[in-house]
Amino acid sequence: MKNRKVLVVFLVVQFVGITCLALWPHAPSAMGIPMWGTALILLCPGNFLGGWLIQSLLWRGPLGLVALGLLSALTAVVINGIIWFAIVKLFRLVFNRGSKGAGVTAA
């Protein structure tokens, strides 16, 4: 049950980030700048790592800018998923450790 909640939160955050990333250039200026900032924050750090990775490997390849942008967004979500998974595992390891031994009494 806990894994499902984390997955839903992750997917919602990434969906909002990707939506803002796709729509901010087409929005009026008053909405576009906050949407760009929202995308930047919600997709961190995967957007930086994914963009760098895709551009480093594929910049002079046969793919166009739209394809590179889509691959960068997909890579950002994958990287963020890995990071979220690692953080959740770390939190569960640290915070569940005390609850397992709480019922043990000294003899």
PDB file of N, CA and C in Angstrom:
ATOM      1  N   MET A   1       0.818  -1.187   0.000  1.00  0.00           N
ATOM      2  CA  MET A   1       0.000   0.000   0.000  1.00  0.00           C
ATOM      3  C   MET A   1       0.868   1.259   0.000  1.00  0.00           C
ATOM      4  N   LYS A   2       1.960   1.246   0.759  1.00  0.00           N
ATOM      5  CA  LYS A   2       2.842   2.402   0.807  1.00  0.00           C
ATOM      6  C   LYS A   2       3.514   2.634  -0.545  1.00  0.00           C
ATOM      7  N   ASN A   3       3.891   1.535  -1.202  1.00  0.00           N
ATOM      8  CA  ASN A   3       4.531   1.680  -2.509  1.00  0.00           C
ATOM      9  C   ASN A   3       3.596   2.325  -3.512  1.00  0.00           C
ATOM     10  N   ARG A   4       2.324   2.002  -3.439  1.00  0.00           N
ATOM     11  CA  ARG A   4       1.355   2.567  -4.376  1.00  0.00           C
ATOM     12  C   ARG A   4       1.209   4.072  -4.167  1.00  0.00           C
ATOM     13  N   LYS A   5       1.182   4.515  -2.921  1.00  0.00           N
ATOM     14  CA  LYS A   5       1.080   5.949  -2.642  1.00  0.00           C
ATOM     15  C   LYS A   5       2.292   6.695  -3.184  1.00  0.00           C
ATOM     16  N   VAL A   6       3.471   6.143  -2.967  1.00  0.00           N
ATOM     17  CA  VAL A   6       4.689   6.779  -3.465  1.00  0.00           C
ATOM     18  C   VAL A   6       4.674   6.821  -4.986  1.00  0.00           C
ATOM     19  N   LEU A   7       4.246   5.743  -5.611  1.00  0.00           N
ATOM     20  CA  LEU A   7       4.183   5.705  -7.072  1.00  0.00           C
ATOM     21  C   LEU A   7       3.196   6.725  -7.618  1.00  0.00           C
ATOM     22  N   VAL A   8       2.034   6.850  -6.987  1.00  0.00           N
ATOM     23  CA  VAL A   8       1.036   7.824  -7.445  1.00  0.00           C
ATOM     24  C   VAL A   8       1.569   9.243  -7.288  1.00  0.00           C
ATOM     25  N   VAL A   9       2.184   9.548  -6.155  1.00  0.00           N
ATOM     26  CA  VAL A   9       2.752  10.883  -5.952  1.00  0.00           C
ATOM     27  C   VAL A   9       3.841  11.153  -6.981  1.00  0.00           C
ATOM     28  N   PHE A  10       4.708  10.189  -7.213  1.00  0.00           N
ATOM     29  CA  PHE A  10       5.772  10.346  -8.206  1.00  0.00           C
ATOM     30  C   PHE A  10       5.188  10.627  -9.583  1.00  0.00           C
ATOM     31  N   LEU A  11       4.206   9.830 -10.002  1.00  0.00           N
ATOM     32  CA  LEU A  11       3.620  10.006 -11.329  1.00  0.00           C
ATOM     33  C   LEU A  11       2.916  11.351 -11.473  1.00  0.00           C
ATOM     34  N   VAL A  12       2.227  11.800 -10.433  1.00  0.00           N
ATOM     35  CA  VAL A  12       1.558  13.104 -10.487  1.00  0.00           C
ATOM     36  C   VAL A  12       2.584  14.229 -10.590  1.00  0.00           C
ATOM     37  N   VAL A  13       3.627  14.168  -9.788  1.00  0.00           N
ATOM     38  CA  VAL A  13       4.664  15.206  -9.827  1.00  0.00           C
ATOM     39  C   VAL A  13       5.334  15.239 -11.200  1.00  0.00           C
ATOM     40  N   GLN A  14       5.672  14.096 -11.740  1.00  0.00           N
ATOM     41  CA  GLN A  14       6.329  14.059 -13.046  1.00  0.00           C
ATOM     42  C   GLN A  14       5.375  14.498 -14.154  1.00  0.00           C
ATOM     43  N   PHE A  15       4.096  14.127 -14.060  1.00  0.00           N
ATOM     44  CA  PHE A  15       3.116  14.543 -15.060  1.00  0.00           C
ATOM     45  C   PHE A  15       2.951  16.054 -15.067  1.00  0.00           C
ATOM     46  N   VAL A  16       2.844  16.645 -13.894  1.00  0.00           N
ATOM     47  CA  VAL A  16       2.720  18.106 -13.819  1.00  0.00           C
ATOM     48  C   VAL A  16       3.989  18.767 -14.367  1.00  0.00           C
ATOM     49  N   GLY A  17       5.146  18.219 -14.028  1.00  0.00           N
ATOM     50  CA  GLY A  17       6.401  18.772 -14.537  1.00  0.00           C
ATOM     51  C   GLY A  17       6.512  18.688 -16.050  1.00  0.00           C
ATOM     52  N   ILE A  18       6.176  17.537 -16.612  1.00  0.00           N
ATOM     53  CA  ILE A  18       6.240  17.359 -18.065  1.00  0.00           C
ATOM     54  C   ILE A  18       5.209  18.248 -18.755  1.00  0.00           C
ATOM     55  N   THR A  19       4.008  18.365 -18.182  1.00  0.00           N
ATOM     56  CA  THR A  19       2.981  19.216 -18.765  1.00  0.00           C
ATOM     57  C   THR A  19       3.419  20.675 -18.778  1.00  0.00           C
ATOM     58  N   CYS A  20       3.966  21.142 -17.666  1.00  0.00           N
ATOM     59  CA  CYS A  20       4.467  22.521 -17.616  1.00  0.00           C
ATOM     60  C   CYS A  20       5.614  22.727 -18.590  1.00  0.00           C
ATOM     61  N   LEU A  21       6.482  21.733 -18.708  1.00  0.00           N
ATOM     62  CA  LEU A  21       7.606  21.829 -19.638  1.00  0.00           C
ATOM     63  C   LEU A  21       7.120  21.937 -21.079  1.00  0.00           C
ATOM     64  N   ALA A  22       6.072  21.203 -21.417  1.00  0.00           N
ATOM     65  CA  ALA A  22       5.562  21.208 -22.787  1.00  0.00           C
ATOM     66  C   ALA A  22       4.752  22.462 -23.097  1.00  0.00           C
ATOM     67  N   LEU A  23       4.070  23.023 -22.100  1.00  0.00           N
ATOM     68  CA  LEU A  23       3.135  24.111 -22.369  1.00  0.00           C
ATOM     69  C   LEU A  23       3.666  25.510 -22.102  1.00  0.00           C
ATOM     70  N   TRP A  24       4.764  25.656 -21.364  1.00  0.00           N
ATOM     71  CA  TRP A  24       5.184  27.000 -20.995  1.00  0.00           C
ATOM     72  C   TRP A  24       5.534  27.885 -22.194  1.00  0.00           C
ATOM     73  N   PRO A  25       6.093  27.373 -23.293  1.00  0.00           N
ATOM     74  CA  PRO A  25       6.378  28.289 -24.410  1.00  0.00           C
ATOM     75  C   PRO A  25       5.111  28.817 -25.095  1.00  0.00           C
ATOM     76  N   HIS A  26       3.997  28.132 -24.926  1.00  0.00           N
ATOM     77  CA  HIS A  26       2.757  28.508 -25.599  1.00  0.00           C
ATOM     78  C   HIS A  26       1.826  29.312 -24.706  1.00  0.00           C
ATOM     79  N   ALA A  27       2.152  29.448 -23.440  1.00  0.00           N
ATOM     80  CA  ALA A  27       1.298  30.162 -22.493  1.00  0.00           C
ATOM     81  C   ALA A  27       1.621  31.660 -22.540  1.00  0.00           C
ATOM     82  N   PRO A  28       0.650  32.482 -22.122  1.00  0.00           N
ATOM     83  CA  PRO A  28       0.955  33.918 -21.997  1.00  0.00           C
ATOM     84  C   PRO A  28       2.091  34.130 -21.010  1.00  0.00           C
ATOM     85  N   SER A  29       2.775  35.246 -21.148  1.00  0.00           N
ATOM     86  CA  SER A  29       3.973  35.513 -20.351  1.00  0.00           C
ATOM     87  C   SER A  29       3.720  35.419 -18.850  1.00  0.00           C
ATOM     88  N   ALA A  30       2.566  35.895 -18.402  1.00  0.00           N
ATOM     89  CA  ALA A  30       2.266  35.867 -16.970  1.00  0.00           C
ATOM     90  C   ALA A  30       2.162  34.441 -16.443  1.00  0.00           C
ATOM     91  N   MET A  31       1.782  33.485 -17.280  1.00  0.00           N
ATOM     92  CA  MET A  31       1.682  32.090 -16.852  1.00  0.00           C
ATOM     93  C   MET A  31       2.900  31.278 -17.273  1.00  0.00           C
ATOM     94  N   GLY A  32       3.551  31.674 -18.362  1.00  0.00           N
ATOM     95  CA  GLY A  32       4.657  30.897 -18.901  1.00  0.00           C
ATOM     96  C   GLY A  32       5.856  30.825 -17.983  1.00  0.00           C
ATOM     97  N   ILE A  33       6.195  31.932 -17.358  1.00  0.00           N
ATOM     98  CA  ILE A  33       7.376  31.950 -16.483  1.00  0.00           C
ATOM     99  C   ILE A  33       7.166  31.068 -15.246  1.00  0.00           C
ATOM    100  N   PRO A  34       6.016  31.171 -14.548  1.00  0.00           N
ATOM    101  CA  PRO A  34       5.807  30.239 -13.428  1.00  0.00           C
ATOM    102  C   PRO A  34       5.747  28.770 -13.869  1.00  0.00           C
ATOM    103  N   MET A  35       5.203  28.522 -15.057  1.00  0.00           N
ATOM    104  CA  MET A  35       5.153  27.145 -15.547  1.00  0.00           C
ATOM    105  C   MET A  35       6.555  26.620 -15.821  1.00  0.00           C
ATOM    106  N   TRP A  36       7.417  27.463 -16.366  1.00  0.00           N
ATOM    107  CA  TRP A  36       8.803  27.061 -16.610  1.00  0.00           C
ATOM    108  C   TRP A  36       9.493  26.744 -15.284  1.00  0.00           C
ATOM    109  N   GLY A  37       9.290  27.594 -14.282  1.00  0.00           N
ATOM    110  CA  GLY A  37       9.892  27.358 -12.965  1.00  0.00           C
ATOM    111  C   GLY A  37       9.363  26.092 -12.310  1.00  0.00           C
ATOM    112  N   THR A  38       8.072  25.850 -12.468  1.00  0.00           N
ATOM    113  CA  THR A  38       7.473  24.632 -11.916  1.00  0.00           C
ATOM    114  C   THR A  38       8.092  23.395 -12.563  1.00  0.00           C
ATOM    115  N   ALA A  39       8.223  23.430 -13.881  1.00  0.00           N
ATOM    116  CA  ALA A  39       8.840  22.300 -14.583  1.00  0.00           C
ATOM    117  C   ALA A  39      10.278  22.104 -14.137  1.00  0.00           C
ATOM    118  N   LEU A  40      11.003  23.194 -13.983  1.00  0.00           N
ATOM    119  CA  LEU A  40      12.405  23.109 -13.561  1.00  0.00           C
ATOM    120  C   LEU A  40      12.528  22.450 -12.190  1.00  0.00           C
ATOM    121  N   ILE A  41      11.679  22.853 -11.256  1.00  0.00           N
ATOM    122  CA  ILE A  41      11.760  22.322  -9.892  1.00  0.00           C
ATOM    123  C   ILE A  41      11.266  20.879  -9.815  1.00  0.00           C
ATOM    124  N   LEU A  42      10.129  20.591 -10.462  1.00  0.00           N
ATOM    125  CA  LEU A  42       9.541  19.255 -10.339  1.00  0.00           C
ATOM    126  C   LEU A  42      10.337  18.181 -11.071  1.00  0.00           C
ATOM    127  N   LEU A  43      11.065  18.558 -12.105  1.00  0.00           N
ATOM    128  CA  LEU A  43      11.816  17.568 -12.871  1.00  0.00           C
ATOM    129  C   LEU A  43      13.285  17.475 -12.465  1.00  0.00           C
ATOM    130  N   CYS A  44      13.670  18.233 -11.429  1.00  0.00           N
ATOM    131  CA  CYS A  44      15.057  18.167 -10.963  1.00  0.00           C
ATOM    132  C   CYS A  44      15.293  16.859 -10.229  1.00  0.00           C
ATOM    133  N   PRO A  45      16.441  16.309 -10.248  1.00  0.00           N
ATOM    134  CA  PRO A  45      17.649  16.597 -11.003  1.00  0.00           C
ATOM    135  C   PRO A  45      17.703  15.891 -12.355  1.00  0.00           C
ATOM    136  N   GLY A  46      16.655  15.118 -12.651  1.00  0.00           N
ATOM    137  CA  GLY A  46      16.660  14.338 -13.880  1.00  0.00           C
ATOM    138  C   GLY A  46      16.713  15.179 -15.140  1.00  0.00           C
ATOM    139  N   ASN A  47      16.122  16.395 -15.094  1.00  0.00           N
ATOM    140  CA  ASN A  47      16.147  17.213 -16.298  1.00  0.00           C
ATOM    141  C   ASN A  47      17.561  17.660 -16.638  1.00  0.00           C
ATOM    142  N   PHE A  48      18.363  17.950 -15.641  1.00  0.00           N
ATOM    143  CA  PHE A  48      19.748  18.354 -15.916  1.00  0.00           C
ATOM    144  C   PHE A  48      20.591  17.166 -16.372  1.00  0.00           C
ATOM    145  N   LEU A  49      20.500  16.076 -15.631  1.00  0.00           N
ATOM    146  CA  LEU A  49      21.288  14.889 -15.983  1.00  0.00           C
ATOM    147  C   LEU A  49      20.839  14.280 -17.302  1.00  0.00           C
ATOM    148  N   GLY A  50      19.528  14.182 -17.499  1.00  0.00           N
ATOM    149  CA  GLY A  50      19.003  13.607 -18.740  1.00  0.00           C
ATOM    150  C   GLY A  50      19.323  14.471 -19.954  1.00  0.00           C
ATOM    151  N   GLY A  51      19.163  15.786 -19.811  1.00  0.00           N
ATOM    152  CA  GLY A  51      19.493  16.687 -20.914  1.00  0.00           C
ATOM    153  C   GLY A  51      20.954  16.615 -21.279  1.00  0.00           C
ATOM    154  N   TRP A  52      21.807  16.604 -20.261  1.00  0.00           N
ATOM    155  CA  TRP A  52      23.238  16.523 -20.520  1.00  0.00           C
ATOM    156  C   TRP A  52      23.590  15.202 -21.191  1.00  0.00           C
ATOM    157  N   LEU A  53      23.015  14.122 -20.698  1.00  0.00           N
ATOM    158  CA  LEU A  53      23.304  12.797 -21.243  1.00  0.00           C
ATOM    159  C   LEU A  53      22.861  12.686 -22.704  1.00  0.00           C
ATOM    160  N   ILE A  54      21.638  13.071 -22.988  1.00  0.00           N
ATOM    161  CA  ILE A  54      21.118  12.963 -24.351  1.00  0.00           C
ATOM    162  C   ILE A  54      21.888  13.881 -25.303  1.00  0.00           C
ATOM    163  N   GLN A  55      22.145  15.097 -24.886  1.00  0.00           N
ATOM    164  CA  GLN A  55      22.875  16.016 -25.764  1.00  0.00           C
ATOM    165  C   GLN A  55      24.323  15.585 -25.961  1.00  0.00           C
ATOM    166  N   SER A  56      24.927  15.024 -24.943  1.00  0.00           N
ATOM    167  CA  SER A  56      26.313  14.558 -25.085  1.00  0.00           C
ATOM    168  C   SER A  56      26.416  13.389 -26.047  1.00  0.00           C
ATOM    169  N   LEU A  57      25.455  12.483 -25.967  1.00  0.00           N
ATOM    170  CA  LEU A  57      25.535  11.274 -26.774  1.00  0.00           C
ATOM    171  C   LEU A  57      24.946  11.424 -28.178  1.00  0.00           C
ATOM    172  N   LEU A  58      23.898  12.235 -28.312  1.00  0.00           N
ATOM    173  CA  LEU A  58      23.139  12.224 -29.558  1.00  0.00           C
ATOM    174  C   LEU A  58      23.063  13.564 -30.284  1.00  0.00           C
ATOM    175  N   TRP A  59      23.789  14.570 -29.838  1.00  0.00           N
ATOM    176  CA  TRP A  59      23.624  15.909 -30.409  1.00  0.00           C
ATOM    177  C   TRP A  59      23.921  15.947 -31.908  1.00  0.00           C
ATOM    178  N   ARG A  60      24.952  15.304 -32.361  1.00  0.00           N
ATOM    179  CA  ARG A  60      25.309  15.331 -33.785  1.00  0.00           C
ATOM    180  C   ARG A  60      24.761  14.147 -34.559  1.00  0.00           C
ATOM    181  N   GLY A  61      23.805  13.475 -33.971  1.00  0.00           N
ATOM    182  CA  GLY A  61      23.200  12.310 -34.620  1.00  0.00           C
ATOM    183  C   GLY A  61      22.092  12.720 -35.576  1.00  0.00           C
ATOM    184  N   PRO A  62      21.383  11.746 -36.079  1.00  0.00           N
ATOM    185  CA  PRO A  62      20.349  12.010 -37.085  1.00  0.00           C
ATOM    186  C   PRO A  62      19.028  12.528 -36.513  1.00  0.00           C
ATOM    187  N   LEU A  63      18.891  12.573 -35.190  1.00  0.00           N
ATOM    188  CA  LEU A  63      17.629  12.985 -34.587  1.00  0.00           C
ATOM    189  C   LEU A  63      17.474  14.499 -34.607  1.00  0.00           C
ATOM    190  N   GLY A  64      16.234  14.942 -34.765  1.00  0.00           N
ATOM    191  CA  GLY A  64      15.936  16.368 -34.746  1.00  0.00           C
ATOM    192  C   GLY A  64      15.786  16.887 -33.320  1.00  0.00           C
ATOM    193  N   LEU A  65      15.557  18.190 -33.209  1.00  0.00           N
ATOM    194  CA  LEU A  65      15.440  18.807 -31.889  1.00  0.00           C
ATOM    195  C   LEU A  65      14.224  18.318 -31.114  1.00  0.00           C
ATOM    196  N   VAL A  66      13.126  18.074 -31.811  1.00  0.00           N
ATOM    197  CA  VAL A  66      11.929  17.582 -31.125  1.00  0.00           C
ATOM    198  C   VAL A  66      12.190  16.199 -30.540  1.00  0.00           C
ATOM    199  N   ALA A  67      12.808  15.329 -31.314  1.00  0.00           N
ATOM    200  CA  ALA A  67      13.116  13.989 -30.825  1.00  0.00           C
ATOM    201  C   ALA A  67      14.099  14.041 -29.657  1.00  0.00           C
ATOM    202  N   LEU A  68      15.095  14.916 -29.745  1.00  0.00           N
ATOM    203  CA  LEU A  68      16.039  15.070 -28.630  1.00  0.00           C
ATOM    204  C   LEU A  68      15.330  15.578 -27.382  1.00  0.00           C
ATOM    205  N   GLY A  69      14.397  16.502 -27.553  1.00  0.00           N
ATOM    206  CA  GLY A  69      13.637  17.018 -26.418  1.00  0.00           C
ATOM    207  C   GLY A  69      12.780  15.948 -25.769  1.00  0.00           C
ATOM    208  N   LEU A  70      12.133  15.124 -26.586  1.00  0.00           N
ATOM    209  CA  LEU A  70      11.318  14.043 -26.045  1.00  0.00           C
ATOM    210  C   LEU A  70      12.174  12.998 -25.328  1.00  0.00           C
ATOM    211  N   LEU A  71      13.314  12.678 -25.902  1.00  0.00           N
ATOM    212  CA  LEU A  71      14.221  11.728 -25.238  1.00  0.00           C
ATOM    213  C   LEU A  71      14.760  12.305 -23.933  1.00  0.00           C
ATOM    214  N   SER A  72      15.052  13.606 -23.917  1.00  0.00           N
ATOM    215  CA  SER A  72      15.525  14.250 -22.690  1.00  0.00           C
ATOM    216  C   SER A  72      14.458  14.183 -21.601  1.00  0.00           C
ATOM    217  N   ALA A  73      13.203  14.440 -21.967  1.00  0.00           N
ATOM    218  CA  ALA A  73      12.115  14.380 -20.984  1.00  0.00           C
ATOM    219  C   ALA A  73      11.931  12.956 -20.458  1.00  0.00           C
ATOM    220  N   LEU A  74      11.960  11.984 -21.356  1.00  0.00           N
ATOM    221  CA  LEU A  74      11.829  10.588 -20.944  1.00  0.00           C
ATOM    222  C   LEU A  74      12.984  10.167 -20.034  1.00  0.00           C
ATOM    223  N   THR A  75      14.189  10.569 -20.390  1.00  0.00           N
ATOM    224  CA  THR A  75      15.368  10.256 -19.573  1.00  0.00           C
ATOM    225  C   THR A  75      15.266  10.927 -18.209  1.00  0.00           C
ATOM    226  N   ALA A  76      14.745  12.156 -18.173  1.00  0.00           N
ATOM    227  CA  ALA A  76      14.575  12.868 -16.902  1.00  0.00           C
ATOM    228  C   ALA A  76      13.631  12.102 -15.981  1.00  0.00           C
ATOM    229  N   VAL A  77      12.535  11.612 -16.516  1.00  0.00           N
ATOM    230  CA  VAL A  77      11.571  10.865 -15.694  1.00  0.00           C
ATOM    231  C   VAL A  77      12.186   9.560 -15.194  1.00  0.00           C
ATOM    232  N   VAL A  78      12.933   8.882 -16.037  1.00  0.00           N
ATOM    233  CA  VAL A  78      13.580   7.630 -15.625  1.00  0.00           C
ATOM    234  C   VAL A  78      14.608   7.904 -14.521  1.00  0.00           C
ATOM    235  N   ILE A  79      15.432   8.922 -14.706  1.00  0.00           N
ATOM    236  CA  ILE A  79      16.438   9.258 -13.685  1.00  0.00           C
ATOM    237  C   ILE A  79      15.757   9.653 -12.384  1.00  0.00           C
ATOM    238  N   ASN A  80      14.705  10.458 -12.469  1.00  0.00           N
ATOM    239  CA  ASN A  80      13.984  10.846 -11.258  1.00  0.00           C
ATOM    240  C   ASN A  80      13.352   9.640 -10.580  1.00  0.00           C
ATOM    241  N   GLY A  81      12.860   8.683 -11.359  1.00  0.00           N
ATOM    242  CA  GLY A  81      12.303   7.464 -10.780  1.00  0.00           C
ATOM    243  C   GLY A  81      13.342   6.681  -9.997  1.00  0.00           C
ATOM    244  N   ILE A  82      14.525   6.580 -10.556  1.00  0.00           N
ATOM    245  CA  ILE A  82      15.615   5.877  -9.859  1.00  0.00           C
ATOM    246  C   ILE A  82      15.967   6.596  -8.560  1.00  0.00           C
ATOM    247  N   ILE A  83      16.046   7.919  -8.620  1.00  0.00           N
ATOM    248  CA  ILE A  83      16.402   8.700  -7.427  1.00  0.00           C
ATOM    249  C   ILE A  83      15.300   8.603  -6.375  1.00  0.00           C
ATOM    250  N   TRP A  84      14.027   8.738  -6.785  1.00  0.00           N
ATOM    251  CA  TRP A  84      12.920   8.608  -5.840  1.00  0.00           C
ATOM    252  C   TRP A  84      12.923   7.227  -5.200  1.00  0.00           C
ATOM    253  N   PHE A  85      13.134   6.181  -5.990  1.00  0.00           N
ATOM    254  CA  PHE A  85      13.165   4.815  -5.463  1.00  0.00           C
ATOM    255  C   PHE A  85      14.269   4.679  -4.411  1.00  0.00           C
ATOM    256  N   ALA A  86      15.448   5.217  -4.707  1.00  0.00           N
ATOM    257  CA  ALA A  86      16.565   5.134  -3.767  1.00  0.00           C
ATOM    258  C   ALA A  86      16.269   5.902  -2.482  1.00  0.00           C
ATOM    259  N   ILE A  87      15.653   7.079  -2.604  1.00  0.00           N
ATOM    260  CA  ILE A  87      15.341   7.881  -1.418  1.00  0.00           C
ATOM    261  C   ILE A  87      14.285   7.182  -0.561  1.00  0.00           C
ATOM    262  N   VAL A  88      13.265   6.611  -1.190  1.00  0.00           N
ATOM    263  CA  VAL A  88      12.227   5.894  -0.440  1.00  0.00           C
ATOM    264  C   VAL A  88      12.829   4.695   0.282  1.00  0.00           C
ATOM    265  N   LYS A  89      13.684   3.949  -0.392  1.00  0.00           N
ATOM    266  CA  LYS A  89      14.333   2.795   0.254  1.00  0.00           C
ATOM    267  C   LYS A  89      15.189   3.244   1.440  1.00  0.00           C
ATOM    268  N   LEU A  90      15.914   4.350   1.266  1.00  0.00           N
ATOM    269  CA  LEU A  90      16.750   4.864   2.339  1.00  0.00           C
ATOM    270  C   LEU A  90      15.907   5.296   3.536  1.00  0.00           C
ATOM    271  N   PHE A  91      14.812   6.027   3.273  1.00  0.00           N
ATOM    272  CA  PHE A  91      13.937   6.453   4.363  1.00  0.00           C
ATOM    273  C   PHE A  91      13.348   5.259   5.094  1.00  0.00           C
ATOM    274  N   ARG A  92      12.920   4.265   4.355  1.00  0.00           N
ATOM    275  CA  ARG A  92      12.328   3.079   5.000  1.00  0.00           C
ATOM    276  C   ARG A  92      13.370   2.314   5.796  1.00  0.00           C
ATOM    277  N   LEU A  93      14.581   2.262   5.296  1.00  0.00           N
ATOM    278  CA  LEU A  93      15.644   1.586   6.017  1.00  0.00           C
ATOM    279  C   LEU A  93      15.956   2.303   7.323  1.00  0.00           C
ATOM    280  N   VAL A  94      16.031   3.633   7.265  1.00  0.00           N
ATOM    281  CA  VAL A  94      16.392   4.413   8.450  1.00  0.00           C
ATOM    282  C   VAL A  94      15.244   4.470   9.454  1.00  0.00           C
ATOM    283  N   PHE A  95      14.038   4.759   8.989  1.00  0.00           N
ATOM    284  CA  PHE A  95      12.934   5.003   9.917  1.00  0.00           C
ATOM    285  C   PHE A  95      12.198   3.745  10.350  1.00  0.00           C
ATOM    286  N   ASN A  96      12.294   2.649   9.641  1.00  0.00           N
ATOM    287  CA  ASN A  96      11.648   1.410  10.063  1.00  0.00           C
ATOM    288  C   ASN A  96      12.528   0.587  10.989  1.00  0.00           C
ATOM    289  N   ARG A  97      13.773   0.939  11.103  1.00  0.00           N
ATOM    290  CA  ARG A  97      14.697   0.195  11.947  1.00  0.00           C
ATOM    291  C   ARG A  97      14.266   0.254  13.409  1.00  0.00           C
ATOM    292  N   GLY A  98      13.845   1.412  13.903  1.00  0.00           N
ATOM    293  CA  GLY A  98      13.446   1.555  15.300  1.00  0.00           C
ATOM    294  C   GLY A  98      12.146   0.843  15.619  1.00  0.00           C
ATOM    295  N   SER A  99      11.231   0.743  14.654  1.00  0.00           N
ATOM    296  CA  SER A  99       9.933   0.134  14.937  1.00  0.00           C
ATOM    297  C   SER A  99      10.027  -1.391  15.015  1.00  0.00           C
ATOM    298  N   LYS A 100      11.007  -1.999  14.399  1.00  0.00           N
ATOM    299  CA  LYS A 100      11.134  -3.462  14.438  1.00  0.00           C
ATOM    300  C   LYS A 100      11.569  -3.948  15.820  1.00  0.00           C
ATOM    301  N   GLY A 101      12.419  -3.200  16.482  1.00  0.00           N
ATOM    302  CA  GLY A 101      12.916  -3.643  17.780  1.00  0.00           C
ATOM    303  C   GLY A 101      12.181  -3.048  18.949  1.00  0.00           C
ATOM    304  N   ALA A 102      11.086  -2.355  18.704  1.00  0.00           N
ATOM    305  CA  ALA A 102      10.377  -1.663  19.787  1.00  0.00           C
ATOM    306  C   ALA A 102       9.709  -2.646  20.758  1.00  0.00           C
ATOM    307  N   GLY A 103       9.320  -3.801  20.269  1.00  0.00           N
ATOM    308  CA  GLY A 103       8.624  -4.751  21.126  1.00  0.00           C
ATOM    309  C   GLY A 103       9.557  -5.651  21.926  1.00  0.00           C
ATOM    310  N   VAL A 104      10.843  -5.549  21.767  1.00  0.00           N
ATOM    311  CA  VAL A 104      11.796  -6.408  22.458  1.00  0.00           C
ATOM    312  C   VAL A 104      12.112  -5.788  23.817  1.00  0.00           C
ATOM    313  N   THR A 105      12.017  -6.605  24.867  1.00  0.00           N
ATOM    314  CA  THR A 105      12.332  -6.131  26.203  1.00  0.00           C
ATOM    315  C   THR A 105      13.619  -6.802  26.701  1.00  0.00           C
ATOM    316  N   ALA A 106      14.320  -6.100  27.536  1.00  0.00           N
ATOM    317  CA  ALA A 106      15.569  -6.642  28.086  1.00  0.00           C
ATOM    318  C   ALA A 106      15.251  -7.658  29.170  1.00  0.00           C
ATOM    319  N   ALA A 107      16.049  -8.708  29.262  1.00  0.00           N
ATOM    320  CA  ALA A 107      15.807  -9.766  30.245  1.00  0.00           C
ATOM    321  C   ALA A 107      16.554  -9.507  31.513  1.00  0.00           C
TER     322      ALA A 107
END
